[in-house]
């Protein structure tokens, strides 16, 4: 596999983790809103050393709960 093909293959893989700002881009809100949702426990985050990241699955779970409505 050439370097170009390797880079293309990596670029095509889905993201597993997002920064707060990247997660905000996915949900079309602010990084501050994501931080608030993480602090309240509405969205789960993981720690990698001192870094906080939001798993893509946490964003999907949050959207599913929003779609389900109050319950």
PDB file of N, CA and C in Angstrom:
ATOM      1  N   UNK A   1       0.852  -1.168   0.000  1.00  0.00           N
ATOM      2  CA  UNK A   1       0.000   0.000   0.000  1.00  0.00           C
ATOM      3  C   UNK A   1       0.904   1.239   0.000  1.00  0.00           C
ATOM      4  N   UNK A   2       0.632   2.179  -0.859  1.00  0.00           N
ATOM      5  CA  UNK A   2       1.439   3.393  -0.927  1.00  0.00           C
ATOM      6  C   UNK A   2       1.052   4.349   0.191  1.00  0.00           C
ATOM      7  N   UNK A   3       1.885   5.353   0.402  1.00  0.00           N
ATOM      8  CA  UNK A   3       1.597   6.340   1.443  1.00  0.00           C
ATOM      9  C   UNK A   3       0.284   7.068   1.164  1.00  0.00           C
ATOM     10  N   UNK A   4       0.011   7.343  -0.109  1.00  0.00           N
ATOM     11  CA  UNK A   4      -1.229   8.030  -0.469  1.00  0.00           C
ATOM     12  C   UNK A   4      -2.437   7.155  -0.168  1.00  0.00           C
ATOM     13  N   UNK A   5      -2.340   5.867  -0.497  1.00  0.00           N
ATOM     14  CA  UNK A   5      -3.444   4.947  -0.206  1.00  0.00           C
ATOM     15  C   UNK A   5      -3.639   4.780   1.291  1.00  0.00           C
ATOM     16  N   UNK A   6      -2.543   4.734   2.049  1.00  0.00           N
ATOM     17  CA  UNK A   6      -2.637   4.610   3.499  1.00  0.00           C
ATOM     18  C   UNK A   6      -3.326   5.837   4.093  1.00  0.00           C
ATOM     19  N   UNK A   7      -2.951   7.015   3.637  1.00  0.00           N
ATOM     20  CA  UNK A   7      -3.572   8.248   4.128  1.00  0.00           C
ATOM     21  C   UNK A   7      -5.052   8.274   3.781  1.00  0.00           C
ATOM     22  N   UNK A   8      -5.416   7.810   2.597  1.00  0.00           N
ATOM     23  CA  UNK A   8      -6.820   7.779   2.200  1.00  0.00           C
ATOM     24  C   UNK A   8      -7.610   6.816   3.066  1.00  0.00           C
ATOM     25  N   UNK A   9      -7.015   5.654   3.352  1.00  0.00           N
ATOM     26  CA  UNK A   9      -7.696   4.660   4.177  1.00  0.00           C
ATOM     27  C   UNK A   9      -7.914   5.191   5.588  1.00  0.00           C
ATOM     28  N   UNK A  10      -6.932   5.889   6.132  1.00  0.00           N
ATOM     29  CA  UNK A  10      -7.070   6.458   7.471  1.00  0.00           C
ATOM     30  C   UNK A  10      -8.138   7.536   7.473  1.00  0.00           C
ATOM     31  N   UNK A  11      -8.170   8.365   6.440  1.00  0.00           N
ATOM     32  CA  UNK A  11      -9.142   9.455   6.366  1.00  0.00           C
ATOM     33  C   UNK A  11     -10.569   8.932   6.250  1.00  0.00           C
ATOM     34  N   UNK A  12     -10.752   7.746   5.688  1.00  0.00           N
ATOM     35  CA  UNK A  12     -12.088   7.191   5.486  1.00  0.00           C
ATOM     36  C   UNK A  12     -12.648   6.526   6.733  1.00  0.00           C
ATOM     37  N   UNK A  13     -11.798   6.228   7.719  1.00  0.00           N
ATOM     38  CA  UNK A  13     -12.272   5.575   8.925  1.00  0.00           C
ATOM     39  C   UNK A  13     -13.073   6.571   9.763  1.00  0.00           C
ATOM     40  N   UNK A  14     -14.155   6.098  10.377  1.00  0.00           N
ATOM     41  CA  UNK A  14     -14.953   7.013  11.207  1.00  0.00           C
ATOM     42  C   UNK A  14     -14.168   7.453  12.443  1.00  0.00           C
ATOM     43  N   UNK A  15     -14.442   8.670  12.905  1.00  0.00           N
ATOM     44  CA  UNK A  15     -13.792   9.181  14.108  1.00  0.00           C
ATOM     45  C   UNK A  15     -14.356   8.457  15.316  1.00  0.00           C
ATOM     46  N   UNK A  16     -13.499   8.101  16.225  1.00  0.00           N
ATOM     47  CA  UNK A  16     -13.938   7.466  17.462  1.00  0.00           C
ATOM     48  C   UNK A  16     -14.084   8.477  18.588  1.00  0.00           C
ATOM     49  N   UNK A  17     -13.198   9.473  18.617  1.00  0.00           N
ATOM     50  CA  UNK A  17     -13.187  10.462  19.688  1.00  0.00           C
ATOM     51  C   UNK A  17     -13.130  11.862  19.110  1.00  0.00           C
ATOM     52  N   UNK A  18     -13.785  12.780  19.792  1.00  0.00           N
ATOM     53  CA  UNK A  18     -13.806  14.187  19.381  1.00  0.00           C
ATOM     54  C   UNK A  18     -13.352  15.082  20.528  1.00  0.00           C
ATOM     55  N   UNK A  19     -12.704  16.191  20.198  1.00  0.00           N
ATOM     56  CA  UNK A  19     -12.491  17.241  21.180  1.00  0.00           C
ATOM     57  C   UNK A  19     -13.846  17.871  21.456  1.00  0.00           C
ATOM     58  N   UNK A  20     -13.935  18.698  22.479  1.00  0.00           N
ATOM     59  CA  UNK A  20     -15.204  19.356  22.768  1.00  0.00           C
ATOM     60  C   UNK A  20     -15.642  20.226  21.591  1.00  0.00           C
ATOM     61  N   UNK A  21     -14.701  20.926  20.982  1.00  0.00           N
ATOM     62  CA  UNK A  21     -15.052  21.776  19.838  1.00  0.00           C
ATOM     63  C   UNK A  21     -15.492  20.946  18.632  1.00  0.00           C
ATOM     64  N   UNK A  22     -14.843  19.815  18.402  1.00  0.00           N
ATOM     65  CA  UNK A  22     -15.245  18.941  17.293  1.00  0.00           C
ATOM     66  C   UNK A  22     -16.622  18.332  17.558  1.00  0.00           C
ATOM     67  N   UNK A  23     -16.870  17.946  18.808  1.00  0.00           N
ATOM     68  CA  UNK A  23     -18.194  17.419  19.175  1.00  0.00           C
ATOM     69  C   UNK A  23     -19.254  18.499  18.971  1.00  0.00           C
ATOM     70  N   UNK A  24     -18.902  19.727  19.329  1.00  0.00           N
ATOM     71  CA  UNK A  24     -19.832  20.840  19.135  1.00  0.00           C
ATOM     72  C   UNK A  24     -20.148  21.021  17.658  1.00  0.00           C
ATOM     73  N   UNK A  25     -19.154  20.875  16.798  1.00  0.00           N
ATOM     74  CA  UNK A  25     -19.394  20.975  15.358  1.00  0.00           C
ATOM     75  C   UNK A  25     -20.377  19.896  14.895  1.00  0.00           C
ATOM     76  N   UNK A  26     -20.247  18.703  15.458  1.00  0.00           N
ATOM     77  CA  UNK A  26     -21.138  17.612  15.074  1.00  0.00           C
ATOM     78  C   UNK A  26     -22.584  17.900  15.476  1.00  0.00           C
ATOM     79  N   UNK A  27     -22.768  18.516  16.645  1.00  0.00           N
ATOM     80  CA  UNK A  27     -24.120  18.797  17.141  1.00  0.00           C
ATOM     81  C   UNK A  27     -24.595  20.204  16.796  1.00  0.00           C
ATOM     82  N   UNK A  28     -23.733  20.961  16.125  1.00  0.00           N
ATOM     83  CA  UNK A  28     -24.058  22.334  15.717  1.00  0.00           C
ATOM     84  C   UNK A  28     -24.392  23.199  16.933  1.00  0.00           C
ATOM     85  N   UNK A  29     -23.522  23.111  17.949  1.00  0.00           N
ATOM     86  CA  UNK A  29     -23.667  23.945  19.128  1.00  0.00           C
ATOM     87  C   UNK A  29     -22.279  24.461  19.502  1.00  0.00           C
ATOM     88  N   UNK A  30     -22.127  25.019  20.683  1.00  0.00           N
ATOM     89  CA  UNK A  30     -20.834  25.565  21.094  1.00  0.00           C
ATOM     90  C   UNK A  30     -20.046  24.556  21.927  1.00  0.00           C
ATOM     91  N   UNK A  31     -18.745  24.769  21.962  1.00  0.00           N
ATOM     92  CA  UNK A  31     -17.892  23.954  22.820  1.00  0.00           C
ATOM     93  C   UNK A  31     -18.275  24.109  24.282  1.00  0.00           C
ATOM     94  N   UNK A  32     -18.716  25.305  24.643  1.00  0.00           N
ATOM     95  CA  UNK A  32     -19.161  25.558  26.014  1.00  0.00           C
ATOM     96  C   UNK A  32     -20.399  24.712  26.339  1.00  0.00           C
ATOM     97  N   UNK A  33     -21.301  24.555  25.378  1.00  0.00           N
ATOM     98  CA  UNK A  33     -22.493  23.724  25.589  1.00  0.00           C
ATOM     99  C   UNK A  33     -22.101  22.264  25.775  1.00  0.00           C
ATOM    100  N   UNK A  34     -21.139  21.792  24.991  1.00  0.00           N
ATOM    101  CA  UNK A  34     -20.663  20.406  25.142  1.00  0.00           C
ATOM    102  C   UNK A  34     -20.065  20.226  26.525  1.00  0.00           C
ATOM    103  N   UNK A  35     -19.237  21.170  26.963  1.00  0.00           N
ATOM    104  CA  UNK A  35     -18.631  21.083  28.295  1.00  0.00           C
ATOM    105  C   UNK A  35     -19.723  21.010  29.369  1.00  0.00           C
ATOM    106  N   UNK A  36     -20.767  21.802  29.209  1.00  0.00           N
ATOM    107  CA  UNK A  36     -21.879  21.792  30.158  1.00  0.00           C
ATOM    108  C   UNK A  36     -22.597  20.441  30.151  1.00  0.00           C
ATOM    109  N   UNK A  37     -22.814  19.888  28.969  1.00  0.00           N
ATOM    110  CA  UNK A  37     -23.483  18.590  28.853  1.00  0.00           C
ATOM    111  C   UNK A  37     -22.629  17.475  29.456  1.00  0.00           C
ATOM    112  N   UNK A  38     -21.322  17.569  29.311  1.00  0.00           N
ATOM    113  CA  UNK A  38     -20.417  16.577  29.907  1.00  0.00           C
ATOM    114  C   UNK A  38     -20.443  16.721  31.431  1.00  0.00           C
ATOM    115  N   UNK A  39     -20.379  17.957  31.916  1.00  0.00           N
ATOM    116  CA  UNK A  39     -20.384  18.203  33.357  1.00  0.00           C
ATOM    117  C   UNK A  39     -21.671  17.692  34.003  1.00  0.00           C
ATOM    118  N   UNK A  40     -22.795  17.867  33.310  1.00  0.00           N
ATOM    119  CA  UNK A  40     -24.084  17.423  33.853  1.00  0.00           C
ATOM    120  C   UNK A  40     -24.300  15.919  33.697  1.00  0.00           C
ATOM    121  N   UNK A  41     -23.450  15.251  32.912  1.00  0.00           N
ATOM    122  CA  UNK A  41     -23.588  13.814  32.712  1.00  0.00           C
ATOM    123  C   UNK A  41     -24.484  13.440  31.546  1.00  0.00           C
ATOM    124  N   UNK A  42     -24.978  14.430  30.804  1.00  0.00           N
ATOM    125  CA  UNK A  42     -25.833  14.139  29.652  1.00  0.00           C
ATOM    126  C   UNK A  42     -25.045  13.523  28.501  1.00  0.00           C
ATOM    127  N   UNK A  43     -23.775  13.875  28.404  1.00  0.00           N
ATOM    128  CA  UNK A  43     -22.878  13.291  27.398  1.00  0.00           C
ATOM    129  C   UNK A  43     -21.662  12.764  28.141  1.00  0.00           C
ATOM    130  N   UNK A  44     -21.281  11.530  27.851  1.00  0.00           N
ATOM    131  CA  UNK A  44     -20.116  10.923  28.496  1.00  0.00           C
ATOM    132  C   UNK A  44     -18.843  11.372  27.792  1.00  0.00           C
ATOM    133  N   UNK A  45     -17.794  11.542  28.558  1.00  0.00           N
ATOM    134  CA  UNK A  45     -16.477  11.868  28.010  1.00  0.00           C
ATOM    135  C   UNK A  45     -15.467  10.909  28.622  1.00  0.00           C
ATOM    136  N   UNK A  46     -14.352  10.751  27.955  1.00  0.00           N
ATOM    137  CA  UNK A  46     -13.268   9.914  28.457  1.00  0.00           C
ATOM    138  C   UNK A  46     -12.037  10.779  28.650  1.00  0.00           C
ATOM    139  N   UNK A  47     -11.140  10.334  29.514  1.00  0.00           N
ATOM    140  CA  UNK A  47      -9.886  11.041  29.750  1.00  0.00           C
ATOM    141  C   UNK A  47      -8.747  10.237  29.137  1.00  0.00           C
ATOM    142  N   UNK A  48      -7.907  10.930  28.425  1.00  0.00           N
ATOM    143  CA  UNK A  48      -6.672  10.347  27.916  1.00  0.00           C
ATOM    144  C   UNK A  48      -5.570  11.213  28.513  1.00  0.00           C
ATOM    145  N   UNK A  49      -5.019  10.750  29.613  1.00  0.00           N
ATOM    146  CA  UNK A  49      -4.100  11.597  30.357  1.00  0.00           C
ATOM    147  C   UNK A  49      -4.863  12.796  30.885  1.00  0.00           C
ATOM    148  N   UNK A  50      -4.423  13.999  30.514  1.00  0.00           N
ATOM    149  CA  UNK A  50      -5.099  15.219  30.956  1.00  0.00           C
ATOM    150  C   UNK A  50      -6.137  15.696  29.953  1.00  0.00           C
ATOM    151  N   UNK A  51      -6.248  15.015  28.834  1.00  0.00           N
ATOM    152  CA  UNK A  51      -7.171  15.434  27.779  1.00  0.00           C
ATOM    153  C   UNK A  51      -8.549  14.823  27.988  1.00  0.00           C
ATOM    154  N   UNK A  52      -9.562  15.563  27.627  1.00  0.00           N
ATOM    155  CA  UNK A  52     -10.941  15.071  27.635  1.00  0.00           C
ATOM    156  C   UNK A  52     -11.378  14.890  26.192  1.00  0.00           C
ATOM    157  N   UNK A  53     -11.997  13.768  25.902  1.00  0.00           N
ATOM    158  CA  UNK A  53     -12.510  13.500  24.564  1.00  0.00           C
ATOM    159  C   UNK A  53     -13.917  12.939  24.676  1.00  0.00           C
ATOM    160  N   UNK A  54     -14.716  13.220  23.658  1.00  0.00           N
ATOM    161  CA  UNK A  54     -16.103  12.749  23.622  1.00  0.00           C
ATOM    162  C   UNK A  54     -16.191  11.623  22.589  1.00  0.00           C
ATOM    163  N   UNK A  55     -16.550  10.419  23.016  1.00  0.00           N
ATOM    164  CA  UNK A  55     -16.712   9.332  22.063  1.00  0.00           C
ATOM    165  C   UNK A  55     -17.870   9.604  21.104  1.00  0.00           C
ATOM    166  N   UNK A  56     -17.706   9.200  19.865  1.00  0.00           N
ATOM    167  CA  UNK A  56     -18.773   9.364  18.874  1.00  0.00           C
ATOM    168  C   UNK A  56     -20.044   8.667  19.354  1.00  0.00           C
ATOM    169  N   UNK A  57     -19.888   7.538  20.027  1.00  0.00           N
ATOM    170  CA  UNK A  57     -21.056   6.801  20.519  1.00  0.00           C
ATOM    171  C   UNK A  57     -21.823   7.610  21.566  1.00  0.00           C
ATOM    172  N   UNK A  58     -21.133   8.432  22.355  1.00  0.00           N
ATOM    173  CA  UNK A  58     -21.808   9.275  23.347  1.00  0.00           C
ATOM    174  C   UNK A  58     -22.681  10.323  22.672  1.00  0.00           C
ATOM    175  N   UNK A  59     -22.181  10.870  21.565  1.00  0.00           N
ATOM    176  CA  UNK A  59     -22.978  11.850  20.815  1.00  0.00           C
ATOM    177  C   UNK A  59     -24.214  11.181  20.233  1.00  0.00           C
ATOM    178  N   UNK A  60     -24.035   9.984  19.662  1.00  0.00           N
ATOM    179  CA  UNK A  60     -25.170   9.264  19.079  1.00  0.00           C
ATOM    180  C   UNK A  60     -26.199   8.911  20.151  1.00  0.00           C
ATOM    181  N   UNK A  61     -25.729   8.486  21.323  1.00  0.00           N
ATOM    182  CA  UNK A  61     -26.646   8.158  22.425  1.00  0.00           C
ATOM    183  C   UNK A  61     -27.427   9.387  22.865  1.00  0.00           C
ATOM    184  N   UNK A  62     -26.753  10.509  22.948  1.00  0.00           N
ATOM    185  CA  UNK A  62     -27.397  11.748  23.359  1.00  0.00           C
ATOM    186  C   UNK A  62     -28.496  12.140  22.367  1.00  0.00           C
ATOM    187  N   UNK A  63     -28.209  12.044  21.090  1.00  0.00           N
ATOM    188  CA  UNK A  63     -29.206  12.395  20.068  1.00  0.00           C
ATOM    189  C   UNK A  63     -30.392  11.437  20.140  1.00  0.00           C
ATOM    190  N   UNK A  64     -30.137  10.146  20.360  1.00  0.00           N
ATOM    191  CA  UNK A  64     -31.241   9.175  20.488  1.00  0.00           C
ATOM    192  C   UNK A  64     -32.137   9.530  21.673  1.00  0.00           C
ATOM    193  N   UNK A  65     -31.530   9.939  22.788  1.00  0.00           N
ATOM    194  CA  UNK A  65     -32.336  10.324  23.953  1.00  0.00           C
ATOM    195  C   UNK A  65     -33.144  11.577  23.664  1.00  0.00           C
ATOM    196  N   UNK A  66     -32.575  12.505  22.922  1.00  0.00           N
ATOM    197  CA  UNK A  66     -33.330  13.708  22.541  1.00  0.00           C
ATOM    198  C   UNK A  66     -34.518  13.343  21.665  1.00  0.00           C
ATOM    199  N   UNK A  67     -34.302  12.423  20.737  1.00  0.00           N
ATOM    200  CA  UNK A  67     -35.375  12.008  19.838  1.00  0.00           C
ATOM    201  C   UNK A  67     -36.481  11.270  20.572  1.00  0.00           C
ATOM    202  N   UNK A  68     -36.121  10.528  21.613  1.00  0.00           N
ATOM    203  CA  UNK A  68     -37.114   9.776  22.384  1.00  0.00           C
ATOM    204  C   UNK A  68     -38.022  10.703  23.179  1.00  0.00           C
ATOM    205  N   UNK A  69     -37.529  11.898  23.463  1.00  0.00           N
ATOM    206  CA  UNK A  69     -38.329  12.864  24.210  1.00  0.00           C
ATOM    207  C   UNK A  69     -38.311  12.606  25.689  1.00  0.00           C
ATOM    208  N   UNK A  70     -39.054  13.418  26.421  1.00  0.00           N
ATOM    209  CA  UNK A  70     -39.093  13.246  27.876  1.00  0.00           C
ATOM    210  C   UNK A  70     -39.728  11.906  28.239  1.00  0.00           C
ATOM    211  N   UNK A  71     -39.177  11.322  29.230  1.00  0.00           N
ATOM    212  CA  UNK A  71     -39.757  10.037  29.539  1.00  0.00           C
ATOM    213  C   UNK A  71     -39.438   9.579  30.859  1.00  0.00           C
TER     214      UNK A  71
END
